[in-house]
Structures are given as structure tokens and as C-alpha cells.
Amino acid sequence: MYKLNYKKSVVKELKKLPHDIRVAIVSKIMALAGNPQPNGSVKLRGSSDLYRIRHADYRIIYSIKSGELIILIIKVAHRKEVYRDF
């Protein structure tokens, strides 16, 4: 099992989402602990360790540190906003 870590900004981003979407996204994030690269996981181009999964119009950007068994959730946002900082 991988350990899940979150950036502080992720908690703020999740609080802004509607309840039903937030619950679904949190369950997808929790599932990453057992399987860090589920079906639909895509490695981001131009990065060595960033991946994304989607839920409806939202994206979850995360990093996998295999040597330490840690997954760092970096950003959760709508698809039109999520890639602006990368």
C-alpha cells in the first residue's frame, strides 16, 4: 500500500467542489493507495513523475515516488484550469 500525501491547496480545491463530485474524487484518490496506476491513468508529457486521472470534467494530478511508496496529490481542478501551472 502506498501512503497518500496532499498539498495544502488540494484540500481547499476539494472544499470548493459540489458534494457529490467531491465524494467521487476522494474515493478515486483513496483507491490510488492500492493501485497507483489504475486504468485511465495517463503520464503527463514533459514530466518524469506526474500522472493524471479523470472524473467527469475534473482532473487529479499526482506524483508517484515508488522508492518511498508515497503518492503526492498535487492538484484537483476542472479540466480547463488544471494544466495552467504545468
C-alpha atoms as a PDB file:
ATOM      1  CA  MET A   1       0.000   0.000   0.000  1.00  0.00           C
ATOM      2  CA  TYR A   2       1.165   3.482  -0.860  1.00  0.00           C
ATOM      3  CA  LYS A   3       0.837   6.369   1.570  1.00  0.00           C
ATOM      4  CA  LEU A   4      -1.194   9.346   0.334  1.00  0.00           C
ATOM      5  CA  ASN A   5       0.067  12.902   0.904  1.00  0.00           C
ATOM      6  CA  TYR A   6      -1.748  16.056  -0.151  1.00  0.00           C
ATOM      7  CA  LYS A   7      -0.609  19.580  -0.868  1.00  0.00           C
ATOM      8  CA  LYS A   8      -2.470  22.105   1.300  1.00  0.00           C
ATOM      9  CA  SER A   9      -4.034  23.630  -1.798  1.00  0.00           C
ATOM     10  CA  VAL A  10      -5.725  20.313  -2.670  1.00  0.00           C
ATOM     11  CA  VAL A  11      -7.861  20.453   0.479  1.00  0.00           C
ATOM     12  CA  LYS A  12      -9.025  23.955  -0.461  1.00  0.00           C
ATOM     13  CA  GLU A  13      -9.759  22.854  -4.023  1.00  0.00           C
ATOM     14  CA  LEU A  14     -11.819  19.892  -2.801  1.00  0.00           C
ATOM     15  CA  LYS A  15     -13.886  22.067  -0.461  1.00  0.00           C
ATOM     16  CA  LYS A  16     -14.952  24.236  -3.409  1.00  0.00           C
ATOM     17  CA  LEU A  17     -16.402  21.278  -5.342  1.00  0.00           C
ATOM     18  CA  PRO A  18     -20.031  20.120  -5.170  1.00  0.00           C
ATOM     19  CA  HIS A  19     -20.576  17.381  -2.568  1.00  0.00           C
ATOM     20  CA  ASP A  20     -21.338  14.509  -4.964  1.00  0.00           C
ATOM     21  CA  ILE A  21     -18.288  15.235  -7.125  1.00  0.00           C
ATOM     22  CA  ARG A  22     -16.069  15.655  -4.050  1.00  0.00           C
ATOM     23  CA  VAL A  23     -17.113  12.236  -2.698  1.00  0.00           C
ATOM     24  CA  ALA A  24     -16.370  10.537  -6.025  1.00  0.00           C
ATOM     25  CA  ILE A  25     -12.983  12.242  -6.389  1.00  0.00           C
ATOM     26  CA  VAL A  26     -11.949  11.386  -2.828  1.00  0.00           C
ATOM     27  CA  SER A  27     -12.839   7.734  -3.433  1.00  0.00           C
ATOM     28  CA  LYS A  28     -10.677   7.722  -6.584  1.00  0.00           C
ATOM     29  CA  ILE A  29      -7.818   9.272  -4.622  1.00  0.00           C
ATOM     30  CA  MET A  30      -8.169   6.657  -1.867  1.00  0.00           C
ATOM     31  CA  ALA A  31      -8.085   3.885  -4.487  1.00  0.00           C
ATOM     32  CA  LEU A  32      -4.680   5.155  -5.645  1.00  0.00           C
ATOM     33  CA  ALA A  33      -3.155   3.822  -2.412  1.00  0.00           C
ATOM     34  CA  GLY A  34      -3.778   0.277  -3.604  1.00  0.00           C
ATOM     35  CA  ASN A  35      -3.148   0.820  -7.305  1.00  0.00           C
ATOM     36  CA  PRO A  36      -1.168   3.970  -8.193  1.00  0.00           C
ATOM     37  CA  GLN A  37      -1.665   3.499 -11.943  1.00  0.00           C
ATOM     38  CA  PRO A  38      -5.278   2.407 -12.476  1.00  0.00           C
ATOM     39  CA  ASN A  39      -6.926   2.076 -15.882  1.00  0.00           C
ATOM     40  CA  GLY A  40      -7.244   5.548 -17.334  1.00  0.00           C
ATOM     41  CA  SER A  41      -4.137   6.878 -15.604  1.00  0.00           C
ATOM     42  CA  VAL A  42      -2.014   8.913 -18.020  1.00  0.00           C
ATOM     43  CA  LYS A  43       1.568  10.066 -17.570  1.00  0.00           C
ATOM     44  CA  LEU A  44       1.866  13.788 -18.292  1.00  0.00           C
ATOM     45  CA  ARG A  45       4.165  14.721 -21.153  1.00  0.00           C
ATOM     46  CA  GLY A  46       7.238  16.734 -20.232  1.00  0.00           C
ATOM     47  CA  SER A  47       7.347  15.387 -16.698  1.00  0.00           C
ATOM     48  CA  SER A  48       9.201  12.447 -15.225  1.00  0.00           C
ATOM     49  CA  ASP A  49       6.777  11.506 -12.446  1.00  0.00           C
ATOM     50  CA  LEU A  50       3.419  13.294 -12.891  1.00  0.00           C
ATOM     51  CA  TYR A  51       0.239  11.394 -13.712  1.00  0.00           C
ATOM     52  CA  ARG A  52      -3.425  12.265 -14.063  1.00  0.00           C
ATOM     53  CA  ILE A  53      -6.733  10.517 -13.672  1.00  0.00           C
ATOM     54  CA  ARG A  54     -10.101  11.936 -14.571  1.00  0.00           C
ATOM     55  CA  HIS A  55     -13.536  12.067 -13.097  1.00  0.00           C
ATOM     56  CA  ALA A  56     -16.131  13.645 -15.383  1.00  0.00           C
ATOM     57  CA  ASP A  57     -14.786  17.156 -16.170  1.00  0.00           C
ATOM     58  CA  TYR A  58     -12.279  17.133 -13.284  1.00  0.00           C
ATOM     59  CA  ARG A  59      -8.659  16.014 -13.225  1.00  0.00           C
ATOM     60  CA  ILE A  60      -6.483  14.744 -10.393  1.00  0.00           C
ATOM     61  CA  ILE A  61      -2.760  15.408 -10.869  1.00  0.00           C
ATOM     62  CA  TYR A  62      -0.422  13.315  -8.732  1.00  0.00           C
ATOM     63  CA  SER A  63       3.159  12.167  -8.390  1.00  0.00           C
ATOM     64  CA  ILE A  64       4.376   8.639  -7.585  1.00  0.00           C
ATOM     65  CA  LYS A  65       7.514   8.105  -5.522  1.00  0.00           C
ATOM     66  CA  SER A  66       7.936   4.341  -5.904  1.00  0.00           C
ATOM     67  CA  GLY A  67      11.084   4.037  -3.802  1.00  0.00           C
ATOM     68  CA  GLU A  68       9.303   5.534  -0.774  1.00  0.00           C
ATOM     69  CA  LEU A  69       5.795   4.170  -1.576  1.00  0.00           C
ATOM     70  CA  ILE A  70       4.290   7.675  -1.479  1.00  0.00           C
ATOM     71  CA  ILE A  71       1.704   9.287  -3.730  1.00  0.00           C
ATOM     72  CA  LEU A  72       1.564  13.085  -3.595  1.00  0.00           C
ATOM     73  CA  ILE A  73      -1.727  14.603  -4.751  1.00  0.00           C
ATOM     74  CA  ILE A  74      -0.721  17.894  -6.377  1.00  0.00           C
ATOM     75  CA  LYS A  75      -3.874  19.388  -7.856  1.00  0.00           C
ATOM     76  CA  VAL A  76      -7.602  18.733  -8.278  1.00  0.00           C
ATOM     77  CA  ALA A  77      -9.414  21.063 -10.662  1.00  0.00           C
ATOM     78  CA  HIS A  78     -11.723  21.404 -13.641  1.00  0.00           C
ATOM     79  CA  ARG A  79     -10.152  20.287 -16.895  1.00  0.00           C
ATOM     80  CA  LYS A  80      -9.962  23.817 -18.308  1.00  0.00           C
ATOM     81  CA  GLU A  81      -7.953  25.072 -15.309  1.00  0.00           C
ATOM     82  CA  VAL A  82      -5.859  22.134 -14.159  1.00  0.00           C
ATOM     83  CA  TYR A  83      -2.973  22.378 -16.648  1.00  0.00           C
ATOM     84  CA  ARG A  84      -2.308  26.120 -16.373  1.00  0.00           C
ATOM     85  CA  ASP A  85       0.559  25.750 -13.886  1.00  0.00           C
ATOM     86  CA  PHE A  86       2.335  22.843 -15.605  1.00  0.00           C
END
